[in-house]
C-alpha cells in the first residue's frame, strides 16, 4: 500500500489521479476461487434502487475484521470491501475471507436485513490491468468466481490504469468493455451489482482522452453497468469544491466534468453517483466539501431531476453521521 506521505507526493506530481488504493497481497486469487462452483449456496442478494448511498472500506481498523456493525453504517445501502486485486484479495476484502463461513453468513444477514448490500471493489490504484497485459476475460471469470464463493452482492470496478487511458489508443476502453461483458456473463444483471468508479474527467470530451475514456465505455457497455461511483475529487486544488463547480460548471483543468455537464455528454444522469472524500485531509488531496454544504449541493441536484445518490471514501472516516448529514435535505430518513 502507498504510505500516506508517499501517496501525497505522488498525487501532487500526478495532477490527474484517483484516490482509491490497495496493497499488494501474497494470497492467490486463483487459489481462493478454486472450487467456488461447489461452495456454499448464495444468500438472497439486495440490488438497491436509486438513490444509492455507497461507502468504501479499505483502512485497517484495530479490533475489527471485515465490515463494521451495520449500525455504524446506517444511512448507506452499499458497503464496498476494498480491494480485490489481480494478485488476490487485500485489506478489507481479505479480512472478509478470514471470517468463518458462519460469521460471514451472520454479517451478511444483518446487512441484508438493514437493506445494505455488501460488495467488493476491484483494482484500486495498485492494479494497472491493461498496462500489465492481464487478460480481461480470465480476470473477470476469476473475480466473479470469488464474488460467488464469498457470497457477496456484486462487484465495483475501480479501474485506475491512468497510463492506459492516457495512451488514447483504445486499448484501455476495449479492456474495460471486455472485462465488463464477461463479469455480466458470470454475474447477471438484476442478480448482482456491477458498478464502476471512474474519475470525473474521464467523462469529458478532451483531446487528452481521444479514444473516449469512459464516454466510450458507457457507449459500449453502459447498459451492463448499474451505476457509476464518480470520483469528484483529487483532480485539482479548486475542482468540485463548490456546489456550482460540482454540479454545473467545472473549471480549472477539467472543464465539462461537473455532474450536469457529464449528463449533457450523454451519460444517464441517474447513474451518476456523486463521490466525495469523508475528510478534508487524509482521504483525498482536494475536492472536499463539508457535509452540511454538500447536503445543500445534493438538494440542488435533486431539484434539477437527479437522484442517483452519494458515494464516500472511506469508512471509518465517514460513518453514519456523515451520510445522515449529507442526505438530510434531499433524502432524509
C-alpha atoms as a PDB file:
ATOM      1  CA  UNK A   1       0.000   0.000   0.000  1.00  0.00           C
ATOM      2  CA  UNK A   2       1.205   3.508  -0.690  1.00  0.00           C
ATOM      3  CA  UNK A   3       2.124   5.166   2.567  1.00  0.00           C
ATOM      4  CA  UNK A   4       0.160   8.391   3.216  1.00  0.00           C
ATOM      5  CA  UNK A   5       3.253  10.554   2.741  1.00  0.00           C
ATOM      6  CA  UNK A   6       4.285   8.835  -0.480  1.00  0.00           C
ATOM      7  CA  UNK A   7       0.713   8.942  -1.726  1.00  0.00           C
ATOM      8  CA  UNK A   8       0.512  12.672  -1.229  1.00  0.00           C
ATOM      9  CA  UNK A   9       3.799  13.239  -3.032  1.00  0.00           C
ATOM     10  CA  UNK A  10       2.711  11.150  -5.971  1.00  0.00           C
ATOM     11  CA  UNK A  11      -0.685  12.804  -6.069  1.00  0.00           C
ATOM     12  CA  UNK A  12       0.835  16.245  -6.133  1.00  0.00           C
ATOM     13  CA  UNK A  13       3.102  15.233  -9.004  1.00  0.00           C
ATOM     14  CA  UNK A  14       0.399  13.480 -10.940  1.00  0.00           C
ATOM     15  CA  UNK A  15      -2.382  16.027 -11.204  1.00  0.00           C
ATOM     16  CA  UNK A  16      -4.957  13.639 -12.506  1.00  0.00           C
ATOM     17  CA  UNK A  17      -5.287  10.585 -10.312  1.00  0.00           C
ATOM     18  CA  UNK A  18      -7.881   8.734  -8.267  1.00  0.00           C
ATOM     19  CA  UNK A  19      -7.741   8.255  -4.530  1.00  0.00           C
ATOM     20  CA  UNK A  20      -8.584   4.595  -4.080  1.00  0.00           C
ATOM     21  CA  UNK A  21      -5.569   2.471  -3.219  1.00  0.00           C
ATOM     22  CA  UNK A  22      -4.700  -1.001  -2.058  1.00  0.00           C
ATOM     23  CA  UNK A  23      -1.635  -3.021  -1.105  1.00  0.00           C
ATOM     24  CA  UNK A  24      -0.215  -5.953  -2.935  1.00  0.00           C
ATOM     25  CA  UNK A  25      -1.170  -9.271  -1.458  1.00  0.00           C
ATOM     26  CA  UNK A  26       0.542 -12.642  -1.396  1.00  0.00           C
ATOM     27  CA  UNK A  27      -2.672 -14.631  -1.379  1.00  0.00           C
ATOM     28  CA  UNK A  28      -3.533 -16.327  -4.643  1.00  0.00           C
ATOM     29  CA  UNK A  29      -6.841 -15.258  -6.117  1.00  0.00           C
ATOM     30  CA  UNK A  30      -6.922 -18.424  -8.197  1.00  0.00           C
ATOM     31  CA  UNK A  31      -6.499 -20.470  -5.042  1.00  0.00           C
ATOM     32  CA  UNK A  32      -9.233 -18.523  -3.307  1.00  0.00           C
ATOM     33  CA  UNK A  33     -11.534 -19.129  -6.259  1.00  0.00           C
ATOM     34  CA  UNK A  34     -10.782 -22.805  -6.633  1.00  0.00           C
ATOM     35  CA  UNK A  35     -13.836 -24.916  -6.069  1.00  0.00           C
ATOM     36  CA  UNK A  36     -16.138 -21.937  -5.985  1.00  0.00           C
ATOM     37  CA  UNK A  37     -18.765 -23.743  -8.018  1.00  0.00           C
ATOM     38  CA  UNK A  38     -19.180 -26.181  -5.149  1.00  0.00           C
ATOM     39  CA  UNK A  39     -19.139 -23.523  -2.463  1.00  0.00           C
ATOM     40  CA  UNK A  40     -21.995 -22.659  -0.123  1.00  0.00           C
ATOM     41  CA  UNK A  41     -25.321 -21.580  -1.600  1.00  0.00           C
ATOM     42  CA  UNK A  42     -25.595 -17.848  -2.176  1.00  0.00           C
ATOM     43  CA  UNK A  43     -27.780 -15.872   0.174  1.00  0.00           C
ATOM     44  CA  UNK A  44     -30.510 -13.598  -1.067  1.00  0.00           C
ATOM     45  CA  UNK A  45     -28.928 -10.545  -2.658  1.00  0.00           C
ATOM     46  CA  UNK A  46     -30.184  -6.982  -2.447  1.00  0.00           C
ATOM     47  CA  UNK A  47     -29.911  -4.749  -5.520  1.00  0.00           C
ATOM     48  CA  UNK A  48     -30.647  -1.213  -4.316  1.00  0.00           C
ATOM     49  CA  UNK A  49     -32.663   1.165  -6.444  1.00  0.00           C
ATOM     50  CA  UNK A  50     -31.628   4.807  -6.672  1.00  0.00           C
ATOM     51  CA  UNK A  51     -30.626   6.696  -4.683  1.00  0.00           C
ATOM     52  CA  UNK A  52     -27.551   4.654  -3.797  1.00  0.00           C
ATOM     53  CA  UNK A  53     -25.506   5.629  -0.770  1.00  0.00           C
ATOM     54  CA  UNK A  54     -22.154   3.916  -1.093  1.00  0.00           C
ATOM     55  CA  UNK A  55     -19.263   3.710   1.351  1.00  0.00           C
ATOM     56  CA  UNK A  56     -15.882   2.119   0.688  1.00  0.00           C
ATOM     57  CA  UNK A  57     -13.748   0.461   3.345  1.00  0.00           C
ATOM     58  CA  UNK A  58     -10.032  -0.163   2.850  1.00  0.00           C
ATOM     59  CA  UNK A  59      -8.461   1.195   6.023  1.00  0.00           C
ATOM     60  CA  UNK A  60      -7.322  -1.097   8.827  1.00  0.00           C
ATOM     61  CA  UNK A  61      -9.461  -0.623  11.924  1.00  0.00           C
ATOM     62  CA  UNK A  62      -7.991  -2.049  15.147  1.00  0.00           C
ATOM     63  CA  UNK A  63     -10.161  -4.766  16.630  1.00  0.00           C
ATOM     64  CA  UNK A  64     -12.345  -5.093  13.549  1.00  0.00           C
ATOM     65  CA  UNK A  65     -12.189  -7.892  10.982  1.00  0.00           C
ATOM     66  CA  UNK A  66     -14.416  -7.367   7.966  1.00  0.00           C
ATOM     67  CA  UNK A  67     -17.319  -4.906   7.878  1.00  0.00           C
ATOM     68  CA  UNK A  68     -18.293  -2.904  10.974  1.00  0.00           C
ATOM     69  CA  UNK A  69     -21.536  -3.495  12.874  1.00  0.00           C
ATOM     70  CA  UNK A  70     -24.277  -2.431  10.491  1.00  0.00           C
ATOM     71  CA  UNK A  71     -25.446   0.235  12.962  1.00  0.00           C
ATOM     72  CA  UNK A  72     -22.234   2.142  12.187  1.00  0.00           C
ATOM     73  CA  UNK A  73     -23.209   2.490   8.530  1.00  0.00           C
ATOM     74  CA  UNK A  74     -26.874   3.358   8.990  1.00  0.00           C
ATOM     75  CA  UNK A  75     -27.973   5.565   6.110  1.00  0.00           C
ATOM     76  CA  UNK A  76     -25.904   3.759   3.472  1.00  0.00           C
ATOM     77  CA  UNK A  77     -27.242   0.969   1.287  1.00  0.00           C
ATOM     78  CA  UNK A  78     -23.992  -0.298  -0.278  1.00  0.00           C
ATOM     79  CA  UNK A  79     -20.779  -1.212   1.562  1.00  0.00           C
ATOM     80  CA  UNK A  80     -17.716  -1.897  -0.619  1.00  0.00           C
ATOM     81  CA  UNK A  81     -14.967  -4.111   0.777  1.00  0.00           C
ATOM     82  CA  UNK A  82     -11.731  -2.892  -0.775  1.00  0.00           C
ATOM     83  CA  UNK A  83      -9.858  -4.318  -2.674  1.00  0.00           C
ATOM     84  CA  UNK A  84      -9.879  -7.427  -4.835  1.00  0.00           C
ATOM     85  CA  UNK A  85      -6.629  -7.337  -6.803  1.00  0.00           C
ATOM     86  CA  UNK A  86      -5.315  -9.377  -9.700  1.00  0.00           C
ATOM     87  CA  UNK A  87      -2.963 -10.991  -7.141  1.00  0.00           C
ATOM     88  CA  UNK A  88      -5.773 -11.743  -4.702  1.00  0.00           C
ATOM     89  CA  UNK A  89      -7.930 -10.110  -2.037  1.00  0.00           C
ATOM     90  CA  UNK A  90      -6.354  -7.411   0.135  1.00  0.00           C
ATOM     91  CA  UNK A  91      -7.273  -5.249   3.120  1.00  0.00           C
ATOM     92  CA  UNK A  92     -11.000  -5.450   3.865  1.00  0.00           C
ATOM     93  CA  UNK A  93     -11.546  -7.960   1.061  1.00  0.00           C
ATOM     94  CA  UNK A  94      -9.050 -10.380   2.565  1.00  0.00           C
ATOM     95  CA  UNK A  95     -10.491  -9.773   6.033  1.00  0.00           C
ATOM     96  CA  UNK A  96     -13.829 -10.994   4.671  1.00  0.00           C
ATOM     97  CA  UNK A  97     -12.193 -14.316   3.781  1.00  0.00           C
ATOM     98  CA  UNK A  98     -10.669 -14.580   7.258  1.00  0.00           C
ATOM     99  CA  UNK A  99     -14.071 -14.703   8.899  1.00  0.00           C
ATOM    100  CA  UNK A 100     -15.599 -18.131   9.341  1.00  0.00           C
ATOM    101  CA  UNK A 101     -18.377 -19.120   6.966  1.00  0.00           C
ATOM    102  CA  UNK A 102     -20.813 -18.863   9.864  1.00  0.00           C
ATOM    103  CA  UNK A 103     -19.624 -15.368  10.767  1.00  0.00           C
ATOM    104  CA  UNK A 104     -19.831 -14.227   7.157  1.00  0.00           C
ATOM    105  CA  UNK A 105     -23.360 -15.574   6.930  1.00  0.00           C
ATOM    106  CA  UNK A 106     -24.335 -13.771  10.122  1.00  0.00           C
ATOM    107  CA  UNK A 107     -22.867 -10.441   8.974  1.00  0.00           C
ATOM    108  CA  UNK A 108     -24.427 -10.846   5.550  1.00  0.00           C
ATOM    109  CA  UNK A 109     -27.861 -11.461   7.092  1.00  0.00           C
ATOM    110  CA  UNK A 110     -27.556  -8.438   9.378  1.00  0.00           C
ATOM    111  CA  UNK A 111     -26.607  -6.205   6.457  1.00  0.00           C
ATOM    112  CA  UNK A 112     -29.372  -7.625   4.259  1.00  0.00           C
ATOM    113  CA  UNK A 113     -31.943  -7.105   7.000  1.00  0.00           C
ATOM    114  CA  UNK A 114     -30.810  -3.455   7.220  1.00  0.00           C
ATOM    115  CA  UNK A 115     -31.055  -3.045   3.432  1.00  0.00           C
ATOM    116  CA  UNK A 116     -27.302  -2.775   2.897  1.00  0.00           C
ATOM    117  CA  UNK A 117     -25.632  -4.643   0.034  1.00  0.00           C
ATOM    118  CA  UNK A 118     -22.121  -5.998   0.553  1.00  0.00           C
ATOM    119  CA  UNK A 119     -19.881  -5.843  -2.498  1.00  0.00           C
ATOM    120  CA  UNK A 120     -16.164  -5.961  -3.268  1.00  0.00           C
ATOM    121  CA  UNK A 121     -14.256  -3.264  -5.116  1.00  0.00           C
ATOM    122  CA  UNK A 122     -11.664  -4.367  -7.657  1.00  0.00           C
ATOM    123  CA  UNK A 123      -8.249  -2.971  -8.621  1.00  0.00           C
ATOM    124  CA  UNK A 124      -7.900   0.477  -6.994  1.00  0.00           C
ATOM    125  CA  UNK A 125      -4.703   2.411  -7.608  1.00  0.00           C
ATOM    126  CA  UNK A 126      -2.496  -0.639  -7.045  1.00  0.00           C
ATOM    127  CA  UNK A 127      -3.523  -2.523 -10.180  1.00  0.00           C
ATOM    128  CA  UNK A 128      -2.921  -1.429 -13.777  1.00  0.00           C
ATOM    129  CA  UNK A 129      -4.544  -4.368 -15.577  1.00  0.00           C
ATOM    130  CA  UNK A 130      -4.299  -3.115 -19.153  1.00  0.00           C
ATOM    131  CA  UNK A 131      -0.707  -1.942 -18.797  1.00  0.00           C
ATOM    132  CA  UNK A 132       0.482  -5.266 -17.364  1.00  0.00           C
ATOM    133  CA  UNK A 133      -1.295  -7.285 -20.036  1.00  0.00           C
ATOM    134  CA  UNK A 134      -3.860  -9.033 -17.815  1.00  0.00           C
ATOM    135  CA  UNK A 135      -6.446 -10.922 -19.823  1.00  0.00           C
ATOM    136  CA  UNK A 136      -9.835  -9.235 -19.286  1.00  0.00           C
ATOM    137  CA  UNK A 137     -11.897 -12.387 -19.736  1.00  0.00           C
ATOM    138  CA  UNK A 138      -9.945 -14.635 -17.397  1.00  0.00           C
ATOM    139  CA  UNK A 139      -9.602 -11.824 -14.851  1.00  0.00           C
ATOM    140  CA  UNK A 140     -13.370 -11.295 -14.913  1.00  0.00           C
ATOM    141  CA  UNK A 141     -14.034 -15.019 -14.569  1.00  0.00           C
ATOM    142  CA  UNK A 142     -11.723 -15.320 -11.576  1.00  0.00           C
ATOM    143  CA  UNK A 143     -13.089 -12.258  -9.818  1.00  0.00           C
ATOM    144  CA  UNK A 144     -16.705 -13.253 -10.451  1.00  0.00           C
ATOM    145  CA  UNK A 145     -15.978 -16.689  -9.022  1.00  0.00           C
ATOM    146  CA  UNK A 146     -14.541 -15.017  -5.899  1.00  0.00           C
ATOM    147  CA  UNK A 147     -17.689 -12.900  -5.503  1.00  0.00           C
ATOM    148  CA  UNK A 148     -19.816 -16.026  -5.661  1.00  0.00           C
ATOM    149  CA  UNK A 149     -17.566 -18.090  -3.418  1.00  0.00           C
ATOM    150  CA  UNK A 150     -17.668 -15.496  -0.676  1.00  0.00           C
ATOM    151  CA  UNK A 151     -21.375 -14.743  -1.123  1.00  0.00           C
ATOM    152  CA  UNK A 152     -21.240 -11.047  -1.941  1.00  0.00           C
ATOM    153  CA  UNK A 153     -23.861  -8.955  -3.709  1.00  0.00           C
ATOM    154  CA  UNK A 154     -21.633  -7.840  -6.538  1.00  0.00           C
ATOM    155  CA  UNK A 155     -18.515  -6.000  -7.593  1.00  0.00           C
ATOM    156  CA  UNK A 156     -17.380  -2.427  -8.138  1.00  0.00           C
ATOM    157  CA  UNK A 157     -14.786  -1.787 -10.861  1.00  0.00           C
ATOM    158  CA  UNK A 158     -12.337   0.864  -9.657  1.00  0.00           C
ATOM    159  CA  UNK A 159     -10.172   0.887 -12.784  1.00  0.00           C
ATOM    160  CA  UNK A 160      -7.305   3.353 -12.321  1.00  0.00           C
ATOM    161  CA  UNK A 161      -4.892   2.401 -15.101  1.00  0.00           C
ATOM    162  CA  UNK A 162      -4.192   6.040 -15.953  1.00  0.00           C
ATOM    163  CA  UNK A 163      -1.296   5.322 -18.263  1.00  0.00           C
ATOM    164  CA  UNK A 164      -3.505   3.091 -20.397  1.00  0.00           C
ATOM    165  CA  UNK A 165      -6.281   5.687 -20.610  1.00  0.00           C
ATOM    166  CA  UNK A 166      -3.775   8.467 -21.305  1.00  0.00           C
ATOM    167  CA  UNK A 167      -2.291   6.471 -24.187  1.00  0.00           C
ATOM    168  CA  UNK A 168      -5.521   7.171 -26.125  1.00  0.00           C
ATOM    169  CA  UNK A 169      -5.007   4.109 -28.300  1.00  0.00           C
ATOM    170  CA  UNK A 170      -8.325   2.484 -27.394  1.00  0.00           C
ATOM    171  CA  UNK A 171      -6.743  -0.423 -25.537  1.00  0.00           C
ATOM    172  CA  UNK A 172      -7.945   0.716 -22.113  1.00  0.00           C
ATOM    173  CA  UNK A 173     -11.505   1.255 -23.309  1.00  0.00           C
ATOM    174  CA  UNK A 174     -11.533  -2.137 -25.049  1.00  0.00           C
ATOM    175  CA  UNK A 175     -10.118  -3.842 -21.940  1.00  0.00           C
ATOM    176  CA  UNK A 176     -12.742  -2.316 -19.655  1.00  0.00           C
ATOM    177  CA  UNK A 177     -15.522  -3.258 -22.062  1.00  0.00           C
ATOM    178  CA  UNK A 178     -14.358  -6.875 -22.416  1.00  0.00           C
ATOM    179  CA  UNK A 179     -13.922  -7.189 -18.642  1.00  0.00           C
ATOM    180  CA  UNK A 180     -17.387  -5.743 -18.019  1.00  0.00           C
ATOM    181  CA  UNK A 181     -19.072  -8.002 -20.562  1.00  0.00           C
ATOM    182  CA  UNK A 182     -17.530 -11.100 -19.023  1.00  0.00           C
ATOM    183  CA  UNK A 183     -18.400 -10.014 -15.496  1.00  0.00           C
ATOM    184  CA  UNK A 184     -22.020  -9.682 -16.602  1.00  0.00           C
ATOM    185  CA  UNK A 185     -21.901 -13.142 -18.149  1.00  0.00           C
ATOM    186  CA  UNK A 186     -20.955 -14.524 -14.747  1.00  0.00           C
ATOM    187  CA  UNK A 187     -22.857 -12.016 -12.567  1.00  0.00           C
ATOM    188  CA  UNK A 188     -26.191 -11.425 -14.325  1.00  0.00           C
ATOM    189  CA  UNK A 189     -27.866  -8.021 -14.260  1.00  0.00           C
ATOM    190  CA  UNK A 190     -30.634  -7.874 -11.683  1.00  0.00           C
ATOM    191  CA  UNK A 191     -28.963 -10.594  -9.633  1.00  0.00           C
ATOM    192  CA  UNK A 192     -25.626  -8.929  -8.860  1.00  0.00           C
ATOM    193  CA  UNK A 193     -24.472  -5.319  -8.557  1.00  0.00           C
ATOM    194  CA  UNK A 194     -21.942  -4.171 -11.136  1.00  0.00           C
ATOM    195  CA  UNK A 195     -20.827  -0.575 -10.614  1.00  0.00           C
ATOM    196  CA  UNK A 196     -17.787   1.333 -11.876  1.00  0.00           C
ATOM    197  CA  UNK A 197     -15.837   4.124 -10.143  1.00  0.00           C
ATOM    198  CA  UNK A 198     -14.243   6.388 -12.770  1.00  0.00           C
ATOM    199  CA  UNK A 199     -12.757   9.801 -12.082  1.00  0.00           C
ATOM    200  CA  UNK A 200     -14.984  12.611 -13.321  1.00  0.00           C
ATOM    201  CA  UNK A 201     -12.699  13.896 -16.128  1.00  0.00           C
ATOM    202  CA  UNK A 202     -12.920  10.538 -17.907  1.00  0.00           C
ATOM    203  CA  UNK A 203     -16.459  11.522 -18.885  1.00  0.00           C
ATOM    204  CA  UNK A 204     -15.323  14.616 -20.802  1.00  0.00           C
ATOM    205  CA  UNK A 205     -14.669  15.270 -24.468  1.00  0.00           C
ATOM    206  CA  UNK A 206     -10.979  16.059 -24.184  1.00  0.00           C
ATOM    207  CA  UNK A 207      -8.042  15.677 -26.558  1.00  0.00           C
ATOM    208  CA  UNK A 208      -6.148  14.009 -23.721  1.00  0.00           C
ATOM    209  CA  UNK A 209      -8.635  11.126 -23.985  1.00  0.00           C
ATOM    210  CA  UNK A 210      -9.069  10.926 -27.727  1.00  0.00           C
ATOM    211  CA  UNK A 211     -10.119   7.273 -27.529  1.00  0.00           C
ATOM    212  CA  UNK A 212     -13.119   8.327 -25.453  1.00  0.00           C
ATOM    213  CA  UNK A 213     -12.235   7.101 -21.939  1.00  0.00           C
ATOM    214  CA  UNK A 214     -15.472   6.436 -20.042  1.00  0.00           C
ATOM    215  CA  UNK A 215     -17.666   8.108 -22.641  1.00  0.00           C
ATOM    216  CA  UNK A 216     -16.620   5.257 -24.917  1.00  0.00           C
ATOM    217  CA  UNK A 217     -17.006   2.675 -22.149  1.00  0.00           C
ATOM    218  CA  UNK A 218     -20.542   3.873 -21.497  1.00  0.00           C
ATOM    219  CA  UNK A 219     -21.358   3.811 -25.209  1.00  0.00           C
ATOM    220  CA  UNK A 220     -20.067   0.244 -25.481  1.00  0.00           C
ATOM    221  CA  UNK A 221     -21.186  -1.449 -22.245  1.00  0.00           C
ATOM    222  CA  UNK A 222     -23.083   1.197 -20.284  1.00  0.00           C
ATOM    223  CA  UNK A 223     -26.250  -0.890 -20.380  1.00  0.00           C
ATOM    224  CA  UNK A 224     -24.427  -3.566 -18.354  1.00  0.00           C
ATOM    225  CA  UNK A 225     -23.328  -1.156 -15.602  1.00  0.00           C
ATOM    226  CA  UNK A 226     -25.782  -0.409 -12.794  1.00  0.00           C
ATOM    227  CA  UNK A 227     -24.284   2.954 -11.846  1.00  0.00           C
ATOM    228  CA  UNK A 228     -21.066   4.990 -11.676  1.00  0.00           C
ATOM    229  CA  UNK A 229     -19.458   5.994  -8.367  1.00  0.00           C
ATOM    230  CA  UNK A 230     -17.881   9.117  -9.846  1.00  0.00           C
ATOM    231  CA  UNK A 231     -14.766  10.402  -8.085  1.00  0.00           C
ATOM    232  CA  UNK A 232     -15.303  14.159  -7.862  1.00  0.00           C
ATOM    233  CA  UNK A 233     -12.009  14.765  -6.057  1.00  0.00           C
ATOM    234  CA  UNK A 234      -8.218  14.612  -6.473  1.00  0.00           C
ATOM    235  CA  UNK A 235      -8.386  16.436  -9.805  1.00  0.00           C
ATOM    236  CA  UNK A 236      -7.015  19.845  -8.799  1.00  0.00           C
ATOM    237  CA  UNK A 237      -6.990  22.260  -5.905  1.00  0.00           C
ATOM    238  CA  UNK A 238     -10.265  24.007  -6.748  1.00  0.00           C
ATOM    239  CA  UNK A 239     -12.174  21.446  -8.808  1.00  0.00           C
ATOM    240  CA  UNK A 240     -15.567  20.339  -7.415  1.00  0.00           C
ATOM    241  CA  UNK A 241     -15.187  22.316  -4.162  1.00  0.00           C
ATOM    242  CA  UNK A 242     -18.365  24.401  -4.574  1.00  0.00           C
ATOM    243  CA  UNK A 243     -21.892  23.372  -5.461  1.00  0.00           C
ATOM    244  CA  UNK A 244     -21.649  25.164  -8.784  1.00  0.00           C
ATOM    245  CA  UNK A 245     -18.326  23.560  -9.679  1.00  0.00           C
ATOM    246  CA  UNK A 246     -19.564  20.137  -8.633  1.00  0.00           C
ATOM    247  CA  UNK A 247     -22.948  20.332 -10.324  1.00  0.00           C
ATOM    248  CA  UNK A 248     -22.985  22.856 -13.142  1.00  0.00           C
ATOM    249  CA  UNK A 249     -19.699  24.245 -14.443  1.00  0.00           C
ATOM    250  CA  UNK A 250     -16.370  22.563 -13.774  1.00  0.00           C
ATOM    251  CA  UNK A 251     -13.450  24.846 -14.457  1.00  0.00           C
ATOM    252  CA  UNK A 252      -9.709  24.568 -13.966  1.00  0.00           C
ATOM    253  CA  UNK A 253      -8.025  21.684 -15.724  1.00  0.00           C
ATOM    254  CA  UNK A 254     -11.149  19.665 -16.429  1.00  0.00           C
ATOM    255  CA  UNK A 255     -13.932  21.776 -17.955  1.00  0.00           C
ATOM    256  CA  UNK A 256     -17.065  19.848 -18.767  1.00  0.00           C
ATOM    257  CA  UNK A 257     -16.677  17.379 -15.904  1.00  0.00           C
ATOM    258  CA  UNK A 258     -19.333  18.594 -13.466  1.00  0.00           C
ATOM    259  CA  UNK A 259     -22.377  16.425 -12.809  1.00  0.00           C
ATOM    260  CA  UNK A 260     -24.807  18.032 -15.249  1.00  0.00           C
ATOM    261  CA  UNK A 261     -22.106  18.598 -17.871  1.00  0.00           C
ATOM    262  CA  UNK A 262     -21.352  14.871 -17.809  1.00  0.00           C
ATOM    263  CA  UNK A 263     -25.052  14.141 -18.232  1.00  0.00           C
ATOM    264  CA  UNK A 264     -25.155  16.564 -21.168  1.00  0.00           C
ATOM    265  CA  UNK A 265     -22.431  14.445 -22.800  1.00  0.00           C
ATOM    266  CA  UNK A 266     -24.886  11.567 -22.964  1.00  0.00           C
ATOM    267  CA  UNK A 267     -24.463   9.720 -19.650  1.00  0.00           C
ATOM    268  CA  UNK A 268     -27.642   8.771 -17.812  1.00  0.00           C
ATOM    269  CA  UNK A 269     -27.959  11.401 -15.069  1.00  0.00           C
ATOM    270  CA  UNK A 270     -29.420   8.951 -12.595  1.00  0.00           C
ATOM    271  CA  UNK A 271     -26.457   6.602 -12.910  1.00  0.00           C
ATOM    272  CA  UNK A 272     -24.049   9.341 -11.781  1.00  0.00           C
ATOM    273  CA  UNK A 273     -23.474   8.843  -8.043  1.00  0.00           C
ATOM    274  CA  UNK A 274     -21.586  11.809  -6.561  1.00  0.00           C
ATOM    275  CA  UNK A 275     -18.372  10.630  -4.902  1.00  0.00           C
ATOM    276  CA  UNK A 276     -16.604  12.652  -2.228  1.00  0.00           C
ATOM    277  CA  UNK A 277     -13.886  12.141   0.428  1.00  0.00           C
ATOM    278  CA  UNK A 278     -15.017  11.832   4.019  1.00  0.00           C
ATOM    279  CA  UNK A 279     -12.273  14.051   5.436  1.00  0.00           C
ATOM    280  CA  UNK A 280     -10.596  17.231   4.244  1.00  0.00           C
ATOM    281  CA  UNK A 281      -7.175  15.657   4.789  1.00  0.00           C
ATOM    282  CA  UNK A 282      -6.208  12.017   4.605  1.00  0.00           C
ATOM    283  CA  UNK A 283      -8.917  10.705   2.299  1.00  0.00           C
ATOM    284  CA  UNK A 284      -8.040  12.903  -0.677  1.00  0.00           C
ATOM    285  CA  UNK A 285      -5.751  15.772  -1.597  1.00  0.00           C
ATOM    286  CA  UNK A 286      -8.588  18.012  -2.707  1.00  0.00           C
ATOM    287  CA  UNK A 287     -12.232  18.092  -3.693  1.00  0.00           C
ATOM    288  CA  UNK A 288     -13.558  18.035  -0.127  1.00  0.00           C
ATOM    289  CA  UNK A 289     -16.868  19.719   0.690  1.00  0.00           C
ATOM    290  CA  UNK A 290     -18.019  19.737   4.293  1.00  0.00           C
ATOM    291  CA  UNK A 291     -21.075  17.508   4.867  1.00  0.00           C
ATOM    292  CA  UNK A 292     -23.502  20.328   5.633  1.00  0.00           C
ATOM    293  CA  UNK A 293     -22.578  22.263   2.497  1.00  0.00           C
ATOM    294  CA  UNK A 294     -22.625  19.063   0.470  1.00  0.00           C
ATOM    295  CA  UNK A 295     -26.156  18.407   1.700  1.00  0.00           C
ATOM    296  CA  UNK A 296     -27.193  21.677   0.067  1.00  0.00           C
ATOM    297  CA  UNK A 297     -25.486  20.673  -3.180  1.00  0.00           C
ATOM    298  CA  UNK A 298     -27.330  17.349  -3.134  1.00  0.00           C
ATOM    299  CA  UNK A 299     -30.629  19.156  -2.633  1.00  0.00           C
ATOM    300  CA  UNK A 300     -29.869  21.436  -5.607  1.00  0.00           C
ATOM    301  CA  UNK A 301     -29.115  18.428  -7.787  1.00  0.00           C
ATOM    302  CA  UNK A 302     -32.298  16.673  -6.734  1.00  0.00           C
ATOM    303  CA  UNK A 303     -34.330  19.786  -7.540  1.00  0.00           C
ATOM    304  CA  UNK A 304     -32.984  19.523 -11.103  1.00  0.00           C
ATOM    305  CA  UNK A 305     -34.108  15.924 -11.516  1.00  0.00           C
ATOM    306  CA  UNK A 306     -31.097  13.945 -10.246  1.00  0.00           C
ATOM    307  CA  UNK A 307     -31.477  11.171  -7.685  1.00  0.00           C
ATOM    308  CA  UNK A 308     -28.524   8.812  -8.254  1.00  0.00           C
ATOM    309  CA  UNK A 309     -27.058   9.036  -4.748  1.00  0.00           C
ATOM    310  CA  UNK A 310     -23.780   9.712  -2.962  1.00  0.00           C
ATOM    311  CA  UNK A 311     -20.535   7.777  -2.517  1.00  0.00           C
ATOM    312  CA  UNK A 312     -17.856   8.408   0.105  1.00  0.00           C
ATOM    313  CA  UNK A 313     -14.259   7.319   0.553  1.00  0.00           C
ATOM    314  CA  UNK A 314     -13.973   5.898   3.234  1.00  0.00           C
ATOM    315  CA  UNK A 315     -15.004   4.148   6.466  1.00  0.00           C
ATOM    316  CA  UNK A 316     -14.283   4.872   9.322  1.00  0.00           C
ATOM    317  CA  UNK A 317     -13.586   8.491   8.362  1.00  0.00           C
ATOM    318  CA  UNK A 318     -17.193   8.723   7.240  1.00  0.00           C
ATOM    319  CA  UNK A 319     -19.771   6.811   9.232  1.00  0.00           C
ATOM    320  CA  UNK A 320     -23.497   7.018   9.815  1.00  0.00           C
ATOM    321  CA  UNK A 321     -23.404  10.646  10.952  1.00  0.00           C
ATOM    322  CA  UNK A 322     -21.664  11.747   7.731  1.00  0.00           C
ATOM    323  CA  UNK A 323     -24.234  10.278   5.371  1.00  0.00           C
ATOM    324  CA  UNK A 324     -27.177  11.290   7.528  1.00  0.00           C
ATOM    325  CA  UNK A 325     -25.988  14.900   7.322  1.00  0.00           C
ATOM    326  CA  UNK A 326     -25.298  14.706   3.575  1.00  0.00           C
ATOM    327  CA  UNK A 327     -28.688  13.248   2.716  1.00  0.00           C
ATOM    328  CA  UNK A 328     -30.650  15.266   5.295  1.00  0.00           C
ATOM    329  CA  UNK A 329     -32.052  17.885   2.917  1.00  0.00           C
ATOM    330  CA  UNK A 330     -32.728  15.823  -0.188  1.00  0.00           C
ATOM    331  CA  UNK A 331     -33.159  12.261   1.106  1.00  0.00           C
ATOM    332  CA  UNK A 332     -33.886  12.350   4.843  1.00  0.00           C
ATOM    333  CA  UNK A 333     -34.505   9.018   6.516  1.00  0.00           C
END
